[in-house]
């Protein structure tokens, strides 16, 4: 279930960690994100994987993975 507050932003984490948009990391700070933009990011990651053959961000440690994604 997606949680939408009065600011019309999404406030629920979801998705596969390697495809997660930097905006989704804002949910951890209760700031919300634009769902359409997050989906666009994930589509870009899919396109990258199809063209390059590997994930643009990869780490066995979840927190390190999120740090890599958020440093863009």
PDB file of N, CA and C in Angstrom:
ATOM      1  N   UNK A   1       0.839  -1.176   0.000  1.00  0.00           N
ATOM      2  CA  UNK A   1       0.000   0.000   0.000  1.00  0.00           C
ATOM      3  C   UNK A   1       0.887   1.244   0.000  1.00  0.00           C
ATOM      4  N   UNK A   2       0.624   2.162  -0.908  1.00  0.00           N
ATOM      5  CA  UNK A   2       1.380   3.402  -0.979  1.00  0.00           C
ATOM      6  C   UNK A   2       0.772   4.450  -0.071  1.00  0.00           C
ATOM      7  N   UNK A   3       1.626   5.141   0.632  1.00  0.00           N
ATOM      8  CA  UNK A   3       1.173   6.191   1.532  1.00  0.00           C
ATOM      9  C   UNK A   3       1.398   7.541   0.864  1.00  0.00           C
ATOM     10  N   UNK A   4       0.326   8.303   0.652  1.00  0.00           N
ATOM     11  CA  UNK A   4       0.405   9.639   0.059  1.00  0.00           C
ATOM     12  C   UNK A   4      -0.105  10.628   1.096  1.00  0.00           C
ATOM     13  N   UNK A   5       0.740  11.588   1.436  1.00  0.00           N
ATOM     14  CA  UNK A   5       0.354  12.599   2.422  1.00  0.00           C
ATOM     15  C   UNK A   5      -0.196  13.820   1.697  1.00  0.00           C
ATOM     16  N   UNK A   6      -0.516  14.861   2.436  1.00  0.00           N
ATOM     17  CA  UNK A   6      -1.077  16.083   1.859  1.00  0.00           C
ATOM     18  C   UNK A   6      -0.162  16.755   0.841  1.00  0.00           C
ATOM     19  N   UNK A   7       1.140  16.441   0.861  1.00  0.00           N
ATOM     20  CA  UNK A   7       2.067  17.067  -0.076  1.00  0.00           C
ATOM     21  C   UNK A   7       2.053  16.392  -1.447  1.00  0.00           C
ATOM     22  N   UNK A   8       1.208  15.381  -1.650  1.00  0.00           N
ATOM     23  CA  UNK A   8       1.042  14.596  -2.874  1.00  0.00           C
ATOM     24  C   UNK A   8       2.308  13.844  -3.277  1.00  0.00           C
ATOM     25  N   UNK A   9       3.228  13.663  -2.346  1.00  0.00           N
ATOM     26  CA  UNK A   9       4.412  12.853  -2.582  1.00  0.00           C
ATOM     27  C   UNK A   9       4.204  11.475  -1.959  1.00  0.00           C
ATOM     28  N   UNK A  10       4.924  10.501  -2.461  1.00  0.00           N
ATOM     29  CA  UNK A  10       4.847   9.153  -1.915  1.00  0.00           C
ATOM     30  C   UNK A  10       5.779   9.040  -0.710  1.00  0.00           C
ATOM     31  N   UNK A  11       5.371   8.272   0.265  1.00  0.00           N
ATOM     32  CA  UNK A  11       6.150   8.130   1.498  1.00  0.00           C
ATOM     33  C   UNK A  11       6.331   6.665   1.884  1.00  0.00           C
ATOM     34  N   UNK A  12       6.359   5.771   0.901  1.00  0.00           N
ATOM     35  CA  UNK A  12       6.499   4.349   1.152  1.00  0.00           C
ATOM     36  C   UNK A  12       7.694   3.825   0.370  1.00  0.00           C
ATOM     37  N   UNK A  13       8.581   3.095   1.029  1.00  0.00           N
ATOM     38  CA  UNK A  13       9.710   2.516   0.308  1.00  0.00           C
ATOM     39  C   UNK A  13       9.248   1.286  -0.454  1.00  0.00           C
ATOM     40  N   UNK A  14       9.783   1.101  -1.630  1.00  0.00           N
ATOM     41  CA  UNK A  14       9.483  -0.076  -2.428  1.00  0.00           C
ATOM     42  C   UNK A  14      10.537  -0.198  -3.521  1.00  0.00           C
ATOM     43  N   UNK A  15      10.665  -1.368  -4.073  1.00  0.00           N
ATOM     44  CA  UNK A  15      11.569  -1.558  -5.188  1.00  0.00           C
ATOM     45  C   UNK A  15      12.767  -2.437  -4.857  1.00  0.00           C
ATOM     46  N   UNK A  16      13.462  -2.835  -5.904  1.00  0.00           N
ATOM     47  CA  UNK A  16      14.669  -3.637  -5.789  1.00  0.00           C
ATOM     48  C   UNK A  16      15.842  -2.702  -5.532  1.00  0.00           C
ATOM     49  N   UNK A  17      16.660  -2.978  -4.531  1.00  0.00           N
ATOM     50  CA  UNK A  17      17.723  -2.039  -4.148  1.00  0.00           C
ATOM     51  C   UNK A  17      18.613  -1.556  -5.299  1.00  0.00           C
ATOM     52  N   UNK A  18      18.995  -2.425  -6.216  1.00  0.00           N
ATOM     53  CA  UNK A  18      19.876  -2.003  -7.311  1.00  0.00           C
ATOM     54  C   UNK A  18      19.196  -1.056  -8.300  1.00  0.00           C
ATOM     55  N   UNK A  19      17.878  -0.995  -8.285  1.00  0.00           N
ATOM     56  CA  UNK A  19      17.145  -0.158  -9.229  1.00  0.00           C
ATOM     57  C   UNK A  19      16.508   1.054  -8.559  1.00  0.00           C
ATOM     58  N   UNK A  20      16.736   1.206  -7.270  1.00  0.00           N
ATOM     59  CA  UNK A  20      16.061   2.242  -6.491  1.00  0.00           C
ATOM     60  C   UNK A  20      16.623   3.631  -6.820  1.00  0.00           C
ATOM     61  N   UNK A  21      15.725   4.590  -6.954  1.00  0.00           N
ATOM     62  CA  UNK A  21      16.111   5.968  -7.263  1.00  0.00           C
ATOM     63  C   UNK A  21      16.620   6.670  -6.012  1.00  0.00           C
ATOM     64  N   UNK A  22      17.525   7.627  -6.171  1.00  0.00           N
ATOM     65  CA  UNK A  22      18.022   8.374  -5.012  1.00  0.00           C
ATOM     66  C   UNK A  22      16.892   9.020  -4.209  1.00  0.00           C
ATOM     67  N   UNK A  23      15.801   9.402  -4.875  1.00  0.00           N
ATOM     68  CA  UNK A  23      14.669  10.022  -4.190  1.00  0.00           C
ATOM     69  C   UNK A  23      14.047   9.098  -3.143  1.00  0.00           C
ATOM     70  N   UNK A  24      14.089   7.792  -3.398  1.00  0.00           N
ATOM     71  CA  UNK A  24      13.511   6.844  -2.449  1.00  0.00           C
ATOM     72  C   UNK A  24      14.267   6.834  -1.133  1.00  0.00           C
ATOM     73  N   UNK A  25      15.524   7.228  -1.170  1.00  0.00           N
ATOM     74  CA  UNK A  25      16.296   7.290   0.063  1.00  0.00           C
ATOM     75  C   UNK A  25      15.794   8.421   0.956  1.00  0.00           C
ATOM     76  N   UNK A  26      15.065   9.381   0.375  1.00  0.00           N
ATOM     77  CA  UNK A  26      14.491  10.472   1.161  1.00  0.00           C
ATOM     78  C   UNK A  26      13.382   9.984   2.077  1.00  0.00           C
ATOM     79  N   UNK A  27      12.782   8.846   1.747  1.00  0.00           N
ATOM     80  CA  UNK A  27      11.716   8.288   2.581  1.00  0.00           C
ATOM     81  C   UNK A  27      12.256   7.987   3.971  1.00  0.00           C
ATOM     82  N   UNK A  28      13.525   7.609   4.034  1.00  0.00           N
ATOM     83  CA  UNK A  28      14.128   7.313   5.336  1.00  0.00           C
ATOM     84  C   UNK A  28      14.128   8.544   6.232  1.00  0.00           C
ATOM     85  N   UNK A  29      14.134   9.729   5.622  1.00  0.00           N
ATOM     86  CA  UNK A  29      14.090  10.984   6.379  1.00  0.00           C
ATOM     87  C   UNK A  29      12.679  11.568   6.418  1.00  0.00           C
ATOM     88  N   UNK A  30      11.679  10.775   6.002  1.00  0.00           N
ATOM     89  CA  UNK A  30      10.266  11.199   5.985  1.00  0.00           C
ATOM     90  C   UNK A  30      10.043  12.433   5.128  1.00  0.00           C
ATOM     91  N   UNK A  31      10.730  12.496   3.966  1.00  0.00           N
ATOM     92  CA  UNK A  31      10.586  13.645   3.076  1.00  0.00           C
ATOM     93  C   UNK A  31       9.726  13.370   1.852  1.00  0.00           C
ATOM     94  N   UNK A  32       9.556  12.138   1.459  1.00  0.00           N
ATOM     95  CA  UNK A  32       8.697  11.821   0.318  1.00  0.00           C
ATOM     96  C   UNK A  32       9.413  11.962  -1.016  1.00  0.00           C
ATOM     97  N   UNK A  33       8.766  11.440  -2.069  1.00  0.00           N
ATOM     98  CA  UNK A  33       9.355  11.477  -3.407  1.00  0.00           C
ATOM     99  C   UNK A  33       8.252  11.444  -4.462  1.00  0.00           C
ATOM    100  N   UNK A  34       8.618  11.851  -5.668  1.00  0.00           N
ATOM    101  CA  UNK A  34       7.708  11.837  -6.809  1.00  0.00           C
ATOM    102  C   UNK A  34       7.797  10.457  -7.460  1.00  0.00           C
ATOM    103  N   UNK A  35       6.712   9.704  -7.418  1.00  0.00           N
ATOM    104  CA  UNK A  35       6.694   8.339  -7.933  1.00  0.00           C
ATOM    105  C   UNK A  35       7.046   8.232  -9.406  1.00  0.00           C
ATOM    106  N   UNK A  36       6.578   9.154 -10.215  1.00  0.00           N
ATOM    107  CA  UNK A  36       6.855   9.114 -11.655  1.00  0.00           C
ATOM    108  C   UNK A  36       8.347   9.270 -11.936  1.00  0.00           C
ATOM    109  N   UNK A  37       9.001  10.159 -11.209  1.00  0.00           N
ATOM    110  CA  UNK A  37      10.435  10.368 -11.403  1.00  0.00           C
ATOM    111  C   UNK A  37      11.229   9.147 -10.941  1.00  0.00           C
ATOM    112  N   UNK A  38      10.787   8.516  -9.880  1.00  0.00           N
ATOM    113  CA  UNK A  38      11.465   7.317  -9.390  1.00  0.00           C
ATOM    114  C   UNK A  38      11.337   6.188 -10.413  1.00  0.00           C
ATOM    115  N   UNK A  39      10.178   6.057 -11.037  1.00  0.00           N
ATOM    116  CA  UNK A  39       9.977   5.040 -12.071  1.00  0.00           C
ATOM    117  C   UNK A  39      10.842   5.320 -13.291  1.00  0.00           C
ATOM    118  N   UNK A  40      10.981   6.585 -13.646  1.00  0.00           N
ATOM    119  CA  UNK A  40      11.836   6.958 -14.770  1.00  0.00           C
ATOM    120  C   UNK A  40      13.281   6.556 -14.498  1.00  0.00           C
ATOM    121  N   UNK A  41      13.743   6.782 -13.261  1.00  0.00           N
ATOM    122  CA  UNK A  41      15.099   6.380 -12.865  1.00  0.00           C
ATOM    123  C   UNK A  41      15.254   4.864 -13.061  1.00  0.00           C
ATOM    124  N   UNK A  42      14.292   4.089 -12.577  1.00  0.00           N
ATOM    125  CA  UNK A  42      14.369   2.632 -12.676  1.00  0.00           C
ATOM    126  C   UNK A  42      14.404   2.184 -14.131  1.00  0.00           C
ATOM    127  N   UNK A  43      13.655   2.848 -14.995  1.00  0.00           N
ATOM    128  CA  UNK A  43      13.688   2.532 -16.433  1.00  0.00           C
ATOM    129  C   UNK A  43      15.068   2.821 -17.014  1.00  0.00           C
ATOM    130  N   UNK A  44      15.697   3.879 -16.544  1.00  0.00           N
ATOM    131  CA  UNK A  44      17.054   4.208 -16.981  1.00  0.00           C
ATOM    132  C   UNK A  44      18.048   3.143 -16.558  1.00  0.00           C
ATOM    133  N   UNK A  45      17.884   2.622 -15.355  1.00  0.00           N
ATOM    134  CA  UNK A  45      18.763   1.549 -14.883  1.00  0.00           C
ATOM    135  C   UNK A  45      18.558   0.300 -15.748  1.00  0.00           C
ATOM    136  N   UNK A  46      17.313  -0.008 -16.068  1.00  0.00           N
ATOM    137  CA  UNK A  46      17.024  -1.164 -16.926  1.00  0.00           C
ATOM    138  C   UNK A  46      17.678  -0.979 -18.295  1.00  0.00           C
ATOM    139  N   UNK A  47      17.569   0.201 -18.875  1.00  0.00           N
ATOM    140  CA  UNK A  47      18.194   0.478 -20.166  1.00  0.00           C
ATOM    141  C   UNK A  47      19.709   0.318 -20.070  1.00  0.00           C
ATOM    142  N   UNK A  48      20.301   0.831 -18.987  1.00  0.00           N
ATOM    143  CA  UNK A  48      21.738   0.693 -18.782  1.00  0.00           C
ATOM    144  C   UNK A  48      22.134  -0.783 -18.762  1.00  0.00           C
ATOM    145  N   UNK A  49      21.389  -1.594 -18.003  1.00  0.00           N
ATOM    146  CA  UNK A  49      21.695  -3.025 -17.899  1.00  0.00           C
ATOM    147  C   UNK A  49      21.583  -3.698 -19.263  1.00  0.00           C
ATOM    148  N   UNK A  50      20.562  -3.341 -20.021  1.00  0.00           N
ATOM    149  CA  UNK A  50      20.388  -3.942 -21.353  1.00  0.00           C
ATOM    150  C   UNK A  50      21.538  -3.588 -22.290  1.00  0.00           C
ATOM    151  N   UNK A  51      22.027  -2.350 -22.197  1.00  0.00           N
ATOM    152  CA  UNK A  51      23.101  -1.906 -23.096  1.00  0.00           C
ATOM    153  C   UNK A  51      24.490  -2.314 -22.608  1.00  0.00           C
ATOM    154  N   UNK A  52      24.740  -2.200 -21.313  1.00  0.00           N
ATOM    155  CA  UNK A  52      26.079  -2.451 -20.785  1.00  0.00           C
ATOM    156  C   UNK A  52      26.276  -3.895 -20.322  1.00  0.00           C
ATOM    157  N   UNK A  53      25.191  -4.542 -19.907  1.00  0.00           N
ATOM    158  CA  UNK A  53      25.293  -5.923 -19.454  1.00  0.00           C
ATOM    159  C   UNK A  53      25.619  -6.076 -17.975  1.00  0.00           C
ATOM    160  N   UNK A  54      25.622  -4.982 -17.236  1.00  0.00           N
ATOM    161  CA  UNK A  54      25.863  -5.045 -15.795  1.00  0.00           C
ATOM    162  C   UNK A  54      25.142  -3.883 -15.123  1.00  0.00           C
ATOM    163  N   UNK A  55      24.947  -4.001 -13.821  1.00  0.00           N
ATOM    164  CA  UNK A  55      24.260  -2.948 -13.061  1.00  0.00           C
ATOM    165  C   UNK A  55      25.181  -1.748 -12.843  1.00  0.00           C
ATOM    166  N   UNK A  56      24.643  -0.539 -12.903  1.00  0.00           N
ATOM    167  CA  UNK A  56      25.486   0.647 -12.674  1.00  0.00           C
ATOM    168  C   UNK A  56      25.909   0.799 -11.220  1.00  0.00           C
ATOM    169  N   UNK A  57      25.140   0.260 -10.298  1.00  0.00           N
ATOM    170  CA  UNK A  57      25.446   0.328  -8.868  1.00  0.00           C
ATOM    171  C   UNK A  57      25.317  -1.072  -8.301  1.00  0.00           C
ATOM    172  N   UNK A  58      26.392  -1.554  -7.680  1.00  0.00           N
ATOM    173  CA  UNK A  58      26.341  -2.895  -7.126  1.00  0.00           C
ATOM    174  C   UNK A  58      27.240  -2.963  -5.898  1.00  0.00           C
ATOM    175  N   UNK A  59      26.746  -3.577  -4.841  1.00  0.00           N
ATOM    176  CA  UNK A  59      27.516  -3.786  -3.616  1.00  0.00           C
ATOM    177  C   UNK A  59      26.794  -4.836  -2.800  1.00  0.00           C
ATOM    178  N   UNK A  60      27.536  -5.701  -2.141  1.00  0.00           N
ATOM    179  CA  UNK A  60      26.906  -6.739  -1.321  1.00  0.00           C
ATOM    180  C   UNK A  60      26.342  -6.163  -0.025  1.00  0.00           C
ATOM    181  N   UNK A  61      26.836  -5.001   0.394  1.00  0.00           N
ATOM    182  CA  UNK A  61      26.343  -4.325   1.592  1.00  0.00           C
ATOM    183  C   UNK A  61      25.287  -3.306   1.173  1.00  0.00           C
ATOM    184  N   UNK A  62      24.073  -3.452   1.699  1.00  0.00           N
ATOM    185  CA  UNK A  62      22.954  -2.596   1.289  1.00  0.00           C
ATOM    186  C   UNK A  62      23.218  -1.117   1.568  1.00  0.00           C
ATOM    187  N   UNK A  63      23.785  -0.795   2.717  1.00  0.00           N
ATOM    188  CA  UNK A  63      24.054   0.613   3.043  1.00  0.00           C
ATOM    189  C   UNK A  63      25.102   1.210   2.102  1.00  0.00           C
ATOM    190  N   UNK A  64      26.119   0.429   1.731  1.00  0.00           N
ATOM    191  CA  UNK A  64      27.109   0.914   0.771  1.00  0.00           C
ATOM    192  C   UNK A  64      26.486   1.129  -0.596  1.00  0.00           C
ATOM    193  N   UNK A  65      25.566   0.240  -0.973  1.00  0.00           N
ATOM    194  CA  UNK A  65      24.850   0.385  -2.252  1.00  0.00           C
ATOM    195  C   UNK A  65      24.068   1.691  -2.265  1.00  0.00           C
ATOM    196  N   UNK A  66      23.325   1.971  -1.185  1.00  0.00           N
ATOM    197  CA  UNK A  66      22.554   3.204  -1.109  1.00  0.00           C
ATOM    198  C   UNK A  66      23.465   4.441  -1.133  1.00  0.00           C
ATOM    199  N   UNK A  67      24.628   4.348  -0.526  1.00  0.00           N
ATOM    200  CA  UNK A  67      25.580   5.463  -0.560  1.00  0.00           C
ATOM    201  C   UNK A  67      26.058   5.722  -1.980  1.00  0.00           C
ATOM    202  N   UNK A  68      26.322   4.652  -2.731  1.00  0.00           N
ATOM    203  CA  UNK A  68      26.750   4.796  -4.128  1.00  0.00           C
ATOM    204  C   UNK A  68      25.667   5.483  -4.954  1.00  0.00           C
ATOM    205  N   UNK A  69      24.430   5.059  -4.776  1.00  0.00           N
ATOM    206  CA  UNK A  69      23.316   5.638  -5.523  1.00  0.00           C
ATOM    207  C   UNK A  69      23.112   7.109  -5.150  1.00  0.00           C
ATOM    208  N   UNK A  70      23.235   7.426  -3.879  1.00  0.00           N
ATOM    209  CA  UNK A  70      22.943   8.784  -3.421  1.00  0.00           C
ATOM    210  C   UNK A  70      24.062   9.785  -3.671  1.00  0.00           C
ATOM    211  N   UNK A  71      25.238   9.328  -4.092  1.00  0.00           N
ATOM    212  CA  UNK A  71      26.344  10.244  -4.335  1.00  0.00           C
ATOM    213  C   UNK A  71      26.338  10.838  -5.735  1.00  0.00           C
ATOM    214  N   UNK A  72      25.322  10.612  -6.499  1.00  0.00           N
ATOM    215  CA  UNK A  72      25.264  11.167  -7.868  1.00  0.00           C
ATOM    216  C   UNK A  72      25.051  12.639  -7.866  1.00  0.00           C
TER     217      UNK A  72
END
